[in-house]
Amino acid sequence: GVPVLKSQYLKIKAYTLDPLKNYTLSCKITASRSQTVEVTTFTLAMNQPPTGGIIYAYPSNGTEGETSFNLIATGWNDTDEDYPLTYSMYYQIRPNAGIVKLTSSSPSNTFATVLPAGDKSN
């Protein structure tokens, strides 16, 4: 069936929408004490993610919990309507482990942080 939301917000799980597809969302609102019904529909058009970039880390090695690493995202390109780009930095210690967000979406393509120990087997 159709999910019933009891909130004013709709949150879609990250990475569940495919690039270059359109999604039509419909919202039916029924007043709790009447038969009044309002329906609205809109299309969410997904585009492709930015391409061509790389992220550098300086220095290339250091001591866990002590060394401040500078992360620099450079060379990313997107369609004109998607500029200016914003950046979020994350890390993952090993495959299938949780992803840790370092910074929220920002116009800055650089970020400095101290990182935990990595996975020796990876």
C-alpha atoms as a PDB file:
ATOM      1  CA  GLY A   1       0.000   0.000   0.000  1.00  0.00           C
ATOM      2  CA  VAL A   2       0.817   3.646   0.004  1.00  0.00           C
ATOM      3  CA  PRO A   3       2.765   4.812   3.067  1.00  0.00           C
ATOM      4  CA  VAL A   4       0.979   7.183   5.423  1.00  0.00           C
ATOM      5  CA  LEU A   5       3.131   9.982   6.773  1.00  0.00           C
ATOM      6  CA  LYS A   6       2.370  11.749  10.011  1.00  0.00           C
ATOM      7  CA  SER A   7       4.862  14.541   9.487  1.00  0.00           C
ATOM      8  CA  GLN A   8       5.171  17.679   7.425  1.00  0.00           C
ATOM      9  CA  TYR A   9       8.442  16.399   5.955  1.00  0.00           C
ATOM     10  CA  LEU A  10       9.268  13.664   3.481  1.00  0.00           C
ATOM     11  CA  LYS A  11      12.764  12.250   3.811  1.00  0.00           C
ATOM     12  CA  ILE A  12      14.147  10.024   1.073  1.00  0.00           C
ATOM     13  CA  LYS A  13      17.001   7.706   1.959  1.00  0.00           C
ATOM     14  CA  ALA A  14      20.301   8.750   0.390  1.00  0.00           C
ATOM     15  CA  TYR A  15      21.340   7.025  -2.843  1.00  0.00           C
ATOM     16  CA  THR A  16      17.892   5.552  -3.545  1.00  0.00           C
ATOM     17  CA  LEU A  17      17.032   7.798  -6.506  1.00  0.00           C
ATOM     18  CA  ASP A  18      18.663   7.082  -9.857  1.00  0.00           C
ATOM     19  CA  PRO A  19      20.391   9.838 -11.840  1.00  0.00           C
ATOM     20  CA  LEU A  20      18.628  11.108 -14.959  1.00  0.00           C
ATOM     21  CA  LYS A  21      15.239   9.746 -13.915  1.00  0.00           C
ATOM     22  CA  ASN A  22      12.080  11.643 -13.083  1.00  0.00           C
ATOM     23  CA  TYR A  23      10.016  10.762 -10.038  1.00  0.00           C
ATOM     24  CA  THR A  24       6.405  11.830  -9.630  1.00  0.00           C
ATOM     25  CA  LEU A  25       5.334  12.409  -6.068  1.00  0.00           C
ATOM     26  CA  SER A  26       1.704  12.815  -5.055  1.00  0.00           C
ATOM     27  CA  CYS A  27       0.443  14.048  -1.764  1.00  0.00           C
ATOM     28  CA  LYS A  28      -3.132  13.534  -0.617  1.00  0.00           C
ATOM     29  CA  ILE A  29      -4.166  15.543   2.424  1.00  0.00           C
ATOM     30  CA  THR A  30      -7.345  14.688   4.299  1.00  0.00           C
ATOM     31  CA  ALA A  31      -8.588  16.812   7.164  1.00  0.00           C
ATOM     32  CA  SER A  32      -9.019  14.615  10.229  1.00  0.00           C
ATOM     33  CA  ARG A  33     -12.546  15.825  11.040  1.00  0.00           C
ATOM     34  CA  SER A  34     -13.993  16.340   7.585  1.00  0.00           C
ATOM     35  CA  GLN A  35     -14.188  14.862   4.141  1.00  0.00           C
ATOM     36  CA  THR A  36     -12.075  17.648   2.633  1.00  0.00           C
ATOM     37  CA  VAL A  37      -9.338  16.198   0.449  1.00  0.00           C
ATOM     38  CA  GLU A  38      -6.542  18.075  -1.310  1.00  0.00           C
ATOM     39  CA  VAL A  39      -4.181  16.393  -3.764  1.00  0.00           C
ATOM     40  CA  THR A  40      -0.988  17.816  -5.184  1.00  0.00           C
ATOM     41  CA  THR A  41       1.472  16.179  -7.552  1.00  0.00           C
ATOM     42  CA  PHE A  42       4.930  17.265  -8.592  1.00  0.00           C
ATOM     43  CA  THR A  43       7.837  15.836 -10.524  1.00  0.00           C
ATOM     44  CA  LEU A  44      11.299  15.537  -9.052  1.00  0.00           C
ATOM     45  CA  ALA A  45      13.893  15.483 -11.854  1.00  0.00           C
ATOM     46  CA  MET A  46      17.214  13.925 -10.910  1.00  0.00           C
ATOM     47  CA  ASN A  47      20.395  14.923 -12.667  1.00  0.00           C
ATOM     48  CA  GLN A  48      23.822  13.336 -12.836  1.00  0.00           C
ATOM     49  CA  PRO A  49      26.324  13.828 -10.036  1.00  0.00           C
ATOM     50  CA  PRO A  50      29.426  15.922 -10.669  1.00  0.00           C
ATOM     51  CA  THR A  51      32.236  14.156 -12.552  1.00  0.00           C
ATOM     52  CA  GLY A  52      35.945  14.316 -13.222  1.00  0.00           C
ATOM     53  CA  GLY A  53      37.189  15.308  -9.812  1.00  0.00           C
ATOM     54  CA  ILE A  54      39.572  13.930  -7.250  1.00  0.00           C
ATOM     55  CA  ILE A  55      40.169  14.382  -3.530  1.00  0.00           C
ATOM     56  CA  TYR A  56      43.681  14.853  -2.219  1.00  0.00           C
ATOM     57  CA  ALA A  57      44.812  14.349   1.379  1.00  0.00           C
ATOM     58  CA  TYR A  58      47.878  16.173   2.689  1.00  0.00           C
ATOM     59  CA  PRO A  59      50.012  14.891   4.290  1.00  0.00           C
ATOM     60  CA  SER A  60      49.759  11.413   2.749  1.00  0.00           C
ATOM     61  CA  ASN A  61      50.407   9.746   6.121  1.00  0.00           C
ATOM     62  CA  GLY A  62      50.369  10.685   9.777  1.00  0.00           C
ATOM     63  CA  THR A  63      49.532   9.611  13.310  1.00  0.00           C
ATOM     64  CA  GLU A  64      45.971   8.632  14.206  1.00  0.00           C
ATOM     65  CA  GLY A  65      44.234  11.169  16.396  1.00  0.00           C
ATOM     66  CA  GLU A  66      47.124  13.664  16.075  1.00  0.00           C
ATOM     67  CA  THR A  67      47.926  14.626  12.486  1.00  0.00           C
ATOM     68  CA  SER A  68      45.717  17.254  10.887  1.00  0.00           C
ATOM     69  CA  PHE A  69      44.929  16.177   7.332  1.00  0.00           C
ATOM     70  CA  ASN A  70      43.947  18.718   4.693  1.00  0.00           C
ATOM     71  CA  LEU A  71      41.338  17.288   2.331  1.00  0.00           C
ATOM     72  CA  ILE A  72      41.037  19.101  -1.000  1.00  0.00           C
ATOM     73  CA  ALA A  73      38.389  18.320  -3.638  1.00  0.00           C
ATOM     74  CA  THR A  74      39.421  19.626  -7.050  1.00  0.00           C
ATOM     75  CA  GLY A  75      38.503  19.282 -10.716  1.00  0.00           C
ATOM     76  CA  TRP A  76      34.789  18.530 -10.259  1.00  0.00           C
ATOM     77  CA  ASN A  77      32.476  19.515 -13.146  1.00  0.00           C
ATOM     78  CA  ASP A  78      28.705  19.675 -13.477  1.00  0.00           C
ATOM     79  CA  THR A  79      26.051  21.293 -15.645  1.00  0.00           C
ATOM     80  CA  ASP A  80      25.789  25.084 -15.478  1.00  0.00           C
ATOM     81  CA  GLU A  81      22.504  25.092 -13.560  1.00  0.00           C
ATOM     82  CA  ASP A  82      24.104  23.113 -10.716  1.00  0.00           C
ATOM     83  CA  TYR A  83      26.770  25.710  -9.907  1.00  0.00           C
ATOM     84  CA  PRO A  84      28.010  26.696  -7.466  1.00  0.00           C
ATOM     85  CA  LEU A  85      28.969  23.223  -6.271  1.00  0.00           C
ATOM     86  CA  THR A  86      28.907  22.391  -2.583  1.00  0.00           C
ATOM     87  CA  TYR A  87      31.059  19.797  -0.848  1.00  0.00           C
ATOM     88  CA  SER A  88      30.568  17.358   2.022  1.00  0.00           C
ATOM     89  CA  MET A  89      33.435  15.265   3.380  1.00  0.00           C
ATOM     90  CA  TYR A  90      33.031  11.724   4.742  1.00  0.00           C
ATOM     91  CA  TYR A  91      35.232   8.787   5.649  1.00  0.00           C
ATOM     92  CA  GLN A  92      34.764   5.042   5.990  1.00  0.00           C
ATOM     93  CA  ILE A  93      37.281   2.866   7.834  1.00  0.00           C
ATOM     94  CA  ARG A  94      36.531  -0.347   5.931  1.00  0.00           C
ATOM     95  CA  PRO A  95      34.016  -1.659   3.396  1.00  0.00           C
ATOM     96  CA  ASN A  96      30.566  -2.277   4.887  1.00  0.00           C
ATOM     97  CA  ALA A  97      31.401  -0.095   7.899  1.00  0.00           C
ATOM     98  CA  GLY A  98      29.429   3.025   8.719  1.00  0.00           C
ATOM     99  CA  ILE A  99      30.132   6.231   6.850  1.00  0.00           C
ATOM    100  CA  VAL A 100      31.137   9.149   9.082  1.00  0.00           C
ATOM    101  CA  LYS A 101      30.303  12.685   7.997  1.00  0.00           C
ATOM    102  CA  LEU A 102      33.102  15.165   8.628  1.00  0.00           C
ATOM    103  CA  THR A 103      31.462  18.343   7.345  1.00  0.00           C
ATOM    104  CA  SER A 104      28.073  19.507   6.174  1.00  0.00           C
ATOM    105  CA  SER A 105      27.455  20.795   2.679  1.00  0.00           C
ATOM    106  CA  SER A 106      29.660  23.833   2.107  1.00  0.00           C
ATOM    107  CA  PRO A 107      30.916  25.897  -0.826  1.00  0.00           C
ATOM    108  CA  SER A 108      34.461  25.325   0.442  1.00  0.00           C
ATOM    109  CA  ASN A 109      36.312  22.495  -1.302  1.00  0.00           C
ATOM    110  CA  THR A 110      38.871  22.145   1.516  1.00  0.00           C
ATOM    111  CA  PHE A 111      38.601  20.737   5.007  1.00  0.00           C
ATOM    112  CA  ALA A 112      41.146  20.018   7.752  1.00  0.00           C
ATOM    113  CA  THR A 113      40.578  17.213  10.254  1.00  0.00           C
ATOM    114  CA  VAL A 114      42.235  14.690  12.541  1.00  0.00           C
ATOM    115  CA  LEU A 115      41.320  11.126  11.543  1.00  0.00           C
ATOM    116  CA  PRO A 116      41.125   7.848  13.477  1.00  0.00           C
ATOM    117  CA  ALA A 117      43.243   4.791  12.654  1.00  0.00           C
ATOM    118  CA  GLY A 118      42.403   3.036   9.418  1.00  0.00           C
ATOM    119  CA  ASP A 119      41.850  -0.658   8.844  1.00  0.00           C
ATOM    120  CA  LYS A 120      45.268  -2.356   8.610  1.00  0.00           C
ATOM    121  CA  SER A 121      43.900  -5.035   6.270  1.00  0.00           C
ATOM    122  CA  ASN A 122      42.599  -2.461   3.787  1.00  0.00           C
END
